[in-house]
Amino acid sequence: MESLPSHGSCFVCGNSNPQSIGIIWQKNPNSRIESTFAFNIHQQGPPGFVHGGASAAVLDEAMGAAVWQEGYRAATVHLELDYRKPIPIGEEINVQGWLFSEKIDSVITRGIIYLSDGTIAVEAHAKYVSAPQLFKDVPNLDKTSGVDVWQ
């Protein structure tokens, strides 16, 4: 698998942010973005379990990284999650995100958090639209047209 670069001060995967969750993303052979890690006490919601917002942020970042790996400068405009099982703090989990479909005005993604026994804890899907104005300091990518600009 190919490791992806850190995103500077990103809340989820930035290596220059001391408050970051610290995830290191990899691109697997079938073009899914994934990481295996454990949430810690800083992401706790209910006692002993991960806060739903932390799992949402991680899934959004995995799916967003998949969008970026396909060359889109895009941002999330719609995110839906189905929480199936609570995620225990300290349990190793696997997170995956991938492009599901490319449309004229958007890119649709899917994402899953798997518990260590392989059961699904959280499923997500999201819609991303072009937002190059948010990423003006990021080098040019291949695909910046064909998806409506988000304002």
N, C-alpha and C. Protein backbone atom coordinates (compact mmCIF):
# COMPACT_ATOMS: atom_id res chain seq x y z
N MET A 1 0.84 -1.18 0.00
CA MET A 1 0.00 0.00 0.00
C MET A 1 0.89 1.25 0.00
N GLU A 2 0.35 2.31 -0.55
CA GLU A 2 1.05 3.58 -0.66
C GLU A 2 0.58 4.53 0.45
N SER A 3 1.51 5.03 1.27
CA SER A 3 1.14 6.00 2.30
C SER A 3 0.91 7.36 1.68
N LEU A 4 -0.12 8.06 2.15
CA LEU A 4 -0.41 9.40 1.67
C LEU A 4 0.30 10.42 2.56
N PRO A 5 0.62 11.59 2.02
CA PRO A 5 1.29 12.61 2.83
C PRO A 5 0.37 13.17 3.90
N SER A 6 0.97 13.68 4.96
CA SER A 6 0.23 14.33 6.03
C SER A 6 -0.40 15.61 5.50
N HIS A 7 -1.45 16.07 6.16
CA HIS A 7 -2.11 17.31 5.76
C HIS A 7 -1.79 18.43 6.74
N GLY A 8 -0.53 18.59 7.12
CA GLY A 8 -0.10 19.72 7.94
C GLY A 8 -0.81 19.81 9.27
N SER A 9 -1.74 20.76 9.37
CA SER A 9 -2.42 20.99 10.65
C SER A 9 -3.82 20.38 10.70
N CYS A 10 -4.11 19.45 9.83
CA CYS A 10 -5.43 18.80 9.78
C CYS A 10 -5.81 18.20 11.13
N PHE A 11 -7.05 18.39 11.51
CA PHE A 11 -7.61 17.85 12.76
C PHE A 11 -7.53 16.33 12.82
N VAL A 12 -7.67 15.67 11.68
CA VAL A 12 -7.70 14.20 11.64
C VAL A 12 -6.32 13.60 11.39
N CYS A 13 -5.58 14.16 10.42
CA CYS A 13 -4.35 13.49 10.01
C CYS A 13 -3.13 14.40 9.91
N GLY A 14 -3.19 15.56 10.49
CA GLY A 14 -2.06 16.48 10.40
C GLY A 14 -0.95 16.16 11.38
N ASN A 15 0.27 16.05 10.87
CA ASN A 15 1.38 15.73 11.77
C ASN A 15 1.95 16.97 12.45
N SER A 16 1.52 18.17 12.03
CA SER A 16 1.99 19.39 12.71
C SER A 16 0.95 19.93 13.69
N ASN A 17 -0.13 19.19 13.91
CA ASN A 17 -1.17 19.59 14.85
C ASN A 17 -1.09 18.69 16.08
N PRO A 18 -0.69 19.23 17.24
CA PRO A 18 -0.58 18.39 18.43
C PRO A 18 -1.92 17.83 18.91
N GLN A 19 -3.03 18.40 18.46
CA GLN A 19 -4.36 17.92 18.83
C GLN A 19 -4.95 16.96 17.79
N SER A 20 -4.21 16.69 16.72
CA SER A 20 -4.70 15.82 15.65
C SER A 20 -4.91 14.39 16.17
N ILE A 21 -5.85 13.71 15.56
CA ILE A 21 -6.05 12.29 15.87
C ILE A 21 -4.82 11.50 15.43
N GLY A 22 -4.11 11.99 14.42
CA GLY A 22 -2.83 11.41 14.02
C GLY A 22 -2.91 10.24 13.06
N ILE A 23 -3.98 10.15 12.31
CA ILE A 23 -4.15 9.04 11.39
C ILE A 23 -3.19 9.16 10.21
N ILE A 24 -2.64 8.04 9.80
CA ILE A 24 -1.82 7.96 8.59
C ILE A 24 -2.63 7.17 7.56
N TRP A 25 -2.94 7.83 6.44
CA TRP A 25 -3.76 7.20 5.40
C TRP A 25 -2.90 6.45 4.43
N GLN A 26 -3.46 5.38 3.89
CA GLN A 26 -2.81 4.60 2.84
C GLN A 26 -3.80 4.36 1.72
N LYS A 27 -3.27 4.26 0.51
CA LYS A 27 -4.09 3.92 -0.65
C LYS A 27 -3.83 2.46 -0.95
N ASN A 28 -4.89 1.65 -0.85
CA ASN A 28 -4.70 0.22 -1.09
C ASN A 28 -4.80 -0.09 -2.59
N PRO A 29 -4.48 -1.31 -3.01
CA PRO A 29 -4.45 -1.64 -4.44
C PRO A 29 -5.77 -1.42 -5.19
N ASN A 30 -6.91 -1.44 -4.51
CA ASN A 30 -8.18 -1.21 -5.22
C ASN A 30 -8.62 0.25 -5.11
N SER A 31 -7.65 1.15 -4.82
CA SER A 31 -7.86 2.61 -4.77
C SER A 31 -8.69 3.09 -3.60
N ARG A 32 -8.93 2.24 -2.62
CA ARG A 32 -9.59 2.71 -1.40
C ARG A 32 -8.55 3.35 -0.50
N ILE A 33 -8.99 4.39 0.21
CA ILE A 33 -8.14 5.02 1.21
C ILE A 33 -8.47 4.35 2.53
N GLU A 34 -7.44 3.98 3.29
CA GLU A 34 -7.72 3.31 4.55
C GLU A 34 -6.65 3.57 5.59
N SER A 35 -7.02 3.27 6.82
CA SER A 35 -6.10 3.33 7.94
C SER A 35 -6.59 2.39 9.03
N THR A 36 -5.64 1.81 9.74
CA THR A 36 -5.94 1.00 10.91
C THR A 36 -5.31 1.69 12.10
N PHE A 37 -6.10 1.99 13.11
CA PHE A 37 -5.64 2.73 14.28
C PHE A 37 -6.64 2.53 15.41
N ALA A 38 -6.39 3.15 16.54
CA ALA A 38 -7.31 3.11 17.68
C ALA A 38 -7.59 4.53 18.14
N PHE A 39 -8.85 4.86 18.36
CA PHE A 39 -9.20 6.14 18.98
C PHE A 39 -8.73 6.09 20.44
N ASN A 40 -8.46 7.28 21.00
CA ASN A 40 -8.04 7.32 22.40
C ASN A 40 -9.01 8.15 23.23
N ILE A 41 -8.69 8.35 24.46
CA ILE A 41 -9.57 9.02 25.41
C ILE A 41 -9.94 10.44 24.96
N HIS A 42 -9.11 11.05 24.13
CA HIS A 42 -9.40 12.40 23.64
C HIS A 42 -10.57 12.44 22.66
N GLN A 43 -10.99 11.29 22.15
CA GLN A 43 -12.13 11.20 21.24
C GLN A 43 -13.33 10.53 21.91
N GLN A 44 -13.33 10.47 23.22
CA GLN A 44 -14.41 9.81 23.95
C GLN A 44 -15.71 10.60 23.91
N GLY A 45 -16.81 9.87 23.80
CA GLY A 45 -18.16 10.40 23.94
C GLY A 45 -18.74 9.77 25.19
N PRO A 46 -19.61 8.75 25.01
CA PRO A 46 -20.07 8.00 26.19
C PRO A 46 -18.87 7.33 26.87
N PRO A 47 -18.90 7.16 28.17
CA PRO A 47 -17.74 6.58 28.86
C PRO A 47 -17.28 5.26 28.21
N GLY A 48 -16.01 5.26 27.79
CA GLY A 48 -15.41 4.07 27.21
C GLY A 48 -15.63 3.92 25.71
N PHE A 49 -16.37 4.84 25.11
CA PHE A 49 -16.69 4.72 23.68
C PHE A 49 -16.38 6.02 22.93
N VAL A 50 -16.18 5.88 21.64
CA VAL A 50 -15.83 7.00 20.77
C VAL A 50 -17.03 7.92 20.55
N HIS A 51 -16.77 9.21 20.54
CA HIS A 51 -17.79 10.22 20.23
C HIS A 51 -18.18 10.08 18.76
N GLY A 52 -19.47 10.16 18.48
CA GLY A 52 -19.96 10.05 17.10
C GLY A 52 -19.36 11.08 16.18
N GLY A 53 -19.07 12.27 16.68
CA GLY A 53 -18.46 13.30 15.86
C GLY A 53 -17.04 12.95 15.44
N ALA A 54 -16.32 12.24 16.30
CA ALA A 54 -14.96 11.81 15.96
C ALA A 54 -14.99 10.78 14.83
N SER A 55 -15.91 9.83 14.91
CA SER A 55 -16.00 8.85 13.83
C SER A 55 -16.49 9.51 12.54
N ALA A 56 -17.36 10.51 12.64
CA ALA A 56 -17.82 11.23 11.46
C ALA A 56 -16.66 11.98 10.81
N ALA A 57 -15.83 12.63 11.62
CA ALA A 57 -14.69 13.37 11.08
C ALA A 57 -13.72 12.44 10.36
N VAL A 58 -13.46 11.29 10.95
CA VAL A 58 -12.53 10.33 10.35
C VAL A 58 -13.09 9.80 9.03
N LEU A 59 -14.36 9.48 8.99
CA LEU A 59 -14.95 9.00 7.74
C LEU A 59 -14.96 10.09 6.67
N ASP A 60 -15.29 11.32 7.05
CA ASP A 60 -15.27 12.42 6.10
C ASP A 60 -13.86 12.59 5.52
N GLU A 61 -12.85 12.50 6.35
CA GLU A 61 -11.47 12.64 5.89
C GLU A 61 -11.06 11.49 4.98
N ALA A 62 -11.45 10.26 5.30
CA ALA A 62 -11.12 9.11 4.44
C ALA A 62 -11.76 9.26 3.07
N MET A 63 -13.04 9.63 3.06
CA MET A 63 -13.73 9.81 1.78
C MET A 63 -13.18 11.01 1.03
N GLY A 64 -12.88 12.09 1.75
CA GLY A 64 -12.28 13.26 1.11
C GLY A 64 -10.92 12.96 0.52
N ALA A 65 -10.12 12.16 1.20
CA ALA A 65 -8.81 11.77 0.66
C ALA A 65 -8.98 10.95 -0.61
N ALA A 66 -10.01 10.11 -0.66
CA ALA A 66 -10.28 9.34 -1.88
C ALA A 66 -10.63 10.27 -3.04
N VAL A 67 -11.41 11.31 -2.75
CA VAL A 67 -11.77 12.30 -3.76
C VAL A 67 -10.52 13.01 -4.26
N TRP A 68 -9.68 13.43 -3.33
CA TRP A 68 -8.44 14.13 -3.71
C TRP A 68 -7.51 13.23 -4.50
N GLN A 69 -7.43 11.95 -4.15
CA GLN A 69 -6.56 11.03 -4.88
C GLN A 69 -7.01 10.84 -6.33
N GLU A 70 -8.27 11.11 -6.59
CA GLU A 70 -8.78 11.04 -7.96
C GLU A 70 -8.62 12.38 -8.69
N GLY A 71 -8.03 13.36 -8.03
CA GLY A 71 -7.71 14.62 -8.68
C GLY A 71 -8.72 15.74 -8.52
N TYR A 72 -9.71 15.57 -7.69
CA TYR A 72 -10.71 16.62 -7.49
C TYR A 72 -10.32 17.54 -6.34
N ARG A 73 -10.50 18.84 -6.52
CA ARG A 73 -10.39 19.82 -5.43
C ARG A 73 -11.81 20.06 -4.96
N ALA A 74 -12.24 19.30 -4.02
CA ALA A 74 -13.65 19.31 -3.64
C ALA A 74 -13.81 19.33 -2.13
N ALA A 75 -15.00 19.74 -1.71
CA ALA A 75 -15.34 19.78 -0.29
C ALA A 75 -16.68 19.10 -0.07
N THR A 76 -16.87 18.62 1.14
CA THR A 76 -18.12 17.95 1.51
C THR A 76 -19.27 18.95 1.57
N VAL A 77 -20.38 18.59 0.94
CA VAL A 77 -21.59 19.40 1.07
C VAL A 77 -22.73 18.60 1.69
N HIS A 78 -22.58 17.29 1.75
CA HIS A 78 -23.60 16.44 2.37
C HIS A 78 -22.92 15.19 2.91
N LEU A 79 -23.22 14.86 4.15
CA LEU A 79 -22.63 13.70 4.81
C LEU A 79 -23.72 12.99 5.60
N GLU A 80 -23.88 11.69 5.36
CA GLU A 80 -24.84 10.88 6.11
C GLU A 80 -24.12 9.70 6.73
N LEU A 81 -24.49 9.40 7.97
CA LEU A 81 -23.87 8.28 8.68
C LEU A 81 -24.94 7.39 9.29
N ASP A 82 -24.64 6.11 9.32
CA ASP A 82 -25.46 5.14 10.04
C ASP A 82 -24.55 4.51 11.09
N TYR A 83 -24.87 4.75 12.34
CA TYR A 83 -24.10 4.20 13.45
C TYR A 83 -24.69 2.82 13.78
N ARG A 84 -23.90 1.79 13.57
CA ARG A 84 -24.38 0.41 13.77
C ARG A 84 -23.97 -0.16 15.13
N LYS A 85 -22.73 0.09 15.53
CA LYS A 85 -22.19 -0.43 16.79
C LYS A 85 -21.31 0.63 17.43
N PRO A 86 -21.28 0.72 18.75
CA PRO A 86 -20.37 1.67 19.38
C PRO A 86 -18.91 1.22 19.20
N ILE A 87 -18.02 2.19 19.13
CA ILE A 87 -16.59 1.90 18.96
C ILE A 87 -15.90 2.07 20.31
N PRO A 88 -15.37 1.00 20.86
CA PRO A 88 -14.68 1.12 22.16
C PRO A 88 -13.37 1.92 22.03
N ILE A 89 -13.11 2.79 22.98
CA ILE A 89 -11.83 3.50 23.05
C ILE A 89 -10.72 2.46 23.14
N GLY A 90 -9.67 2.65 22.37
CA GLY A 90 -8.51 1.77 22.42
C GLY A 90 -8.59 0.54 21.53
N GLU A 91 -9.74 0.25 20.93
CA GLU A 91 -9.85 -0.91 20.05
C GLU A 91 -9.34 -0.55 18.66
N GLU A 92 -8.51 -1.42 18.10
CA GLU A 92 -8.01 -1.19 16.75
C GLU A 92 -9.15 -1.33 15.75
N ILE A 93 -9.31 -0.33 14.91
CA ILE A 93 -10.36 -0.32 13.90
C ILE A 93 -9.74 -0.10 12.53
N ASN A 94 -10.51 -0.36 11.49
CA ASN A 94 -10.09 -0.09 10.12
C ASN A 94 -11.11 0.85 9.50
N VAL A 95 -10.63 1.93 8.91
CA VAL A 95 -11.48 2.91 8.25
C VAL A 95 -11.16 2.89 6.77
N GLN A 96 -12.19 2.88 5.92
CA GLN A 96 -11.99 2.90 4.48
C GLN A 96 -12.92 3.92 3.84
N GLY A 97 -12.42 4.59 2.80
CA GLY A 97 -13.22 5.53 2.02
C GLY A 97 -12.91 5.36 0.55
N TRP A 98 -13.93 5.51 -0.30
CA TRP A 98 -13.71 5.35 -1.73
C TRP A 98 -14.75 6.13 -2.54
N LEU A 99 -14.40 6.39 -3.81
CA LEU A 99 -15.36 7.01 -4.72
C LEU A 99 -16.39 5.97 -5.10
N PHE A 100 -17.64 6.36 -5.04
CA PHE A 100 -18.73 5.47 -5.42
C PHE A 100 -19.21 5.80 -6.83
N SER A 101 -19.37 7.10 -7.11
CA SER A 101 -19.78 7.52 -8.46
C SER A 101 -19.35 8.95 -8.72
N GLU A 102 -19.14 9.24 -9.98
CA GLU A 102 -18.80 10.58 -10.41
C GLU A 102 -19.96 11.08 -11.27
N LYS A 103 -20.49 12.24 -10.90
CA LYS A 103 -21.61 12.82 -11.63
C LYS A 103 -21.17 14.14 -12.24
N ILE A 104 -22.03 14.74 -13.01
CA ILE A 104 -21.69 16.01 -13.65
C ILE A 104 -21.45 17.09 -12.62
N ASP A 105 -22.25 17.11 -11.56
CA ASP A 105 -22.16 18.19 -10.59
C ASP A 105 -21.57 17.79 -9.25
N SER A 106 -21.15 16.54 -9.09
CA SER A 106 -20.65 16.11 -7.78
C SER A 106 -19.93 14.77 -7.87
N VAL A 107 -19.30 14.42 -6.77
CA VAL A 107 -18.67 13.12 -6.60
C VAL A 107 -19.31 12.50 -5.36
N ILE A 108 -19.74 11.26 -5.46
CA ILE A 108 -20.38 10.55 -4.36
C ILE A 108 -19.38 9.52 -3.81
N THR A 109 -19.30 9.45 -2.50
CA THR A 109 -18.35 8.54 -1.86
C THR A 109 -19.06 7.63 -0.86
N ARG A 110 -18.35 6.61 -0.46
CA ARG A 110 -18.78 5.70 0.59
C ARG A 110 -17.63 5.53 1.57
N GLY A 111 -17.97 5.20 2.82
CA GLY A 111 -16.96 4.95 3.82
C GLY A 111 -17.49 4.02 4.90
N ILE A 112 -16.58 3.26 5.50
CA ILE A 112 -16.95 2.31 6.55
C ILE A 112 -15.88 2.29 7.62
N ILE A 113 -16.31 2.19 8.87
CA ILE A 113 -15.42 1.87 9.98
C ILE A 113 -15.74 0.44 10.41
N TYR A 114 -14.70 -0.40 10.39
CA TYR A 114 -14.83 -1.79 10.82
C TYR A 114 -14.22 -1.96 12.20
N LEU A 115 -14.90 -2.67 13.08
CA LEU A 115 -14.32 -3.05 14.37
C LEU A 115 -13.26 -4.13 14.15
N SER A 116 -12.51 -4.44 15.19
CA SER A 116 -11.42 -5.41 15.05
C SER A 116 -11.90 -6.80 14.67
N ASP A 117 -13.16 -7.13 14.95
CA ASP A 117 -13.67 -8.45 14.57
C ASP A 117 -14.29 -8.44 13.17
N GLY A 118 -14.18 -7.32 12.46
CA GLY A 118 -14.68 -7.22 11.09
C GLY A 118 -16.11 -6.73 10.96
N THR A 119 -16.82 -6.55 12.06
CA THR A 119 -18.19 -6.04 11.96
C THR A 119 -18.16 -4.53 11.67
N ILE A 120 -19.22 -4.08 11.03
CA ILE A 120 -19.32 -2.67 10.67
C ILE A 120 -19.82 -1.88 11.87
N ALA A 121 -19.07 -0.84 12.23
CA ALA A 121 -19.48 0.05 13.32
C ALA A 121 -20.22 1.26 12.77
N VAL A 122 -19.69 1.86 11.69
CA VAL A 122 -20.29 3.05 11.12
C VAL A 122 -20.17 2.98 9.60
N GLU A 123 -21.26 3.33 8.92
CA GLU A 123 -21.26 3.45 7.46
C GLU A 123 -21.58 4.88 7.10
N ALA A 124 -21.00 5.36 6.01
CA ALA A 124 -21.24 6.74 5.59
C ALA A 124 -21.32 6.83 4.08
N HIS A 125 -22.01 7.87 3.63
CA HIS A 125 -21.89 8.29 2.24
C HIS A 125 -21.94 9.80 2.23
N ALA A 126 -21.29 10.37 1.22
CA ALA A 126 -21.16 11.81 1.19
C ALA A 126 -21.16 12.31 -0.25
N LYS A 127 -21.47 13.58 -0.37
CA LYS A 127 -21.43 14.28 -1.66
C LYS A 127 -20.39 15.38 -1.55
N TYR A 128 -19.51 15.45 -2.54
CA TYR A 128 -18.47 16.46 -2.62
C TYR A 128 -18.66 17.24 -3.91
N VAL A 129 -18.43 18.55 -3.84
CA VAL A 129 -18.47 19.39 -5.04
C VAL A 129 -17.18 20.19 -5.11
N SER A 130 -16.86 20.61 -6.32
CA SER A 130 -15.64 21.37 -6.56
C SER A 130 -15.61 22.63 -5.71
N ALA A 131 -14.46 22.87 -5.09
CA ALA A 131 -14.28 24.05 -4.25
C ALA A 131 -12.83 24.52 -4.33
N PRO A 132 -12.35 24.83 -5.53
CA PRO A 132 -10.93 25.20 -5.67
C PRO A 132 -10.55 26.45 -4.88
N GLN A 133 -11.52 27.33 -4.62
CA GLN A 133 -11.21 28.54 -3.86
C GLN A 133 -10.79 28.24 -2.43
N LEU A 134 -11.17 27.10 -1.90
CA LEU A 134 -10.77 26.72 -0.55
C LEU A 134 -9.35 26.16 -0.50
N PHE A 135 -8.83 25.78 -1.66
CA PHE A 135 -7.53 25.10 -1.72
C PHE A 135 -6.56 25.82 -2.65
N LYS A 136 -6.62 27.14 -2.67
CA LYS A 136 -5.81 27.92 -3.61
C LYS A 136 -4.31 27.76 -3.39
N ASP A 137 -3.89 27.36 -2.19
CA ASP A 137 -2.47 27.19 -1.92
C ASP A 137 -1.99 25.75 -2.12
N VAL A 138 -2.87 24.90 -2.61
CA VAL A 138 -2.52 23.51 -2.87
C VAL A 138 -2.19 23.39 -4.36
N PRO A 139 -1.11 22.65 -4.72
CA PRO A 139 -0.74 22.52 -6.13
C PRO A 139 -1.91 22.02 -7.00
N ASN A 140 -1.88 22.42 -8.28
CA ASN A 140 -2.93 22.02 -9.23
C ASN A 140 -3.06 20.52 -9.32
N LEU A 141 -4.29 20.08 -9.50
CA LEU A 141 -4.59 18.67 -9.67
C LEU A 141 -5.20 18.47 -11.06
N ASP A 142 -5.38 17.23 -11.46
CA ASP A 142 -5.88 16.93 -12.80
C ASP A 142 -7.31 17.35 -13.04
N LYS A 143 -8.21 17.05 -12.12
CA LYS A 143 -9.64 17.25 -12.34
C LYS A 143 -10.16 18.40 -11.48
N THR A 144 -10.38 19.55 -12.09
CA THR A 144 -10.98 20.65 -11.36
C THR A 144 -12.23 21.13 -12.06
N SER A 145 -12.52 20.58 -13.22
CA SER A 145 -13.75 20.95 -13.91
C SER A 145 -14.68 19.75 -13.96
N GLY A 146 -15.89 19.97 -14.43
CA GLY A 146 -16.84 18.88 -14.51
C GLY A 146 -17.65 18.69 -13.24
N VAL A 147 -17.27 19.41 -12.21
CA VAL A 147 -18.01 19.38 -10.95
C VAL A 147 -18.28 20.82 -10.59
N ASP A 148 -19.53 21.14 -10.30
CA ASP A 148 -19.91 22.53 -10.01
C ASP A 148 -19.06 23.10 -8.89
N VAL A 149 -18.78 24.39 -8.98
CA VAL A 149 -18.04 25.07 -7.94
C VAL A 149 -18.97 25.37 -6.77
N TRP A 150 -18.54 24.98 -5.58
CA TRP A 150 -19.30 25.22 -4.36
C TRP A 150 -18.96 26.63 -3.88
N GLN A 151 -19.95 27.39 -3.47
CA GLN A 151 -19.71 28.77 -3.01
C GLN A 151 -20.25 28.94 -1.62
